[in-house]
């Protein structure tokens, strides 16, 4: 198992600077977002030749692109075709780079429908062409369980994989999104182990005193933090991953407002490195 980073906090910086930082601090994997506002990689202009040069340059540093991330509202009405075309561009880029995973999200529940109903009734028309194309290109599609999208509780995980049984469709699993809901964040590892394609290492800190004051529907009683600075026991988490057969990247997603970009990634990599 290896540590990686989601490079979003370096938006606006050249990829070479990100690679310098990762190489200098023992970070191996780079998950590169390719949506609006991030300039690390122009997938539309990524020819076979350019992809080959980039791959060789990173390999010379001991680095690899472990995933490309494209997070947009999958279920946005009237934009389905444009969304599918853009995702297919990202799939082509991933194939050219030898990157095994496209990370994305399921999108929001549609007005008037529950999350399971959106998964069953809306997502097939949107995701089927994407999954078929990804299968042809040898790229896995992994959706993140971001709690405000269609993937919330474990019942929605079950619904998703009952609806989509493609072996190259799985999860970018983030335990923090389940923890503050008081869902079992370890159970998906055992129940959906063969669908764990990518893992986001993000911790969560709960202010129990504040929650007791404002209630669970109040604001400000939980926040995301760097691994090791919250409630998740990372040795336990990694042990469950290993038992389930996952031996890929722990990708640090830095959303900790109390740590700078660099110090957060460095500390997170050091903490996770004890278990990888």
Foldseek 3Di string as FASTA:
>chain_A
DFAAAECVVCAPPEVVVVLVLCLVQVHAEYAYEDEPRHDHDPLVPCDLVNLVVVLVVSVVSNHAHQEYEYEDACQPPPCLVVVLVVLLSVLVSCLSNVHAEYEYAQHAQDPPDALLCCLQPPRCVRCVVVVVSSVVSNHAYAYEQQCRHSRNAVVSVVSNCVRPVDLSYAHQYELQRHVLVVHPSLVCCQVVVSRHSHYEQKAKAFQVVVCVVQPSPDDDGMDIAAPPPHDDDLLVNVVSNVVSPDDDYHYYYHPHPVDDPSVSVSVNNVVNVVRD
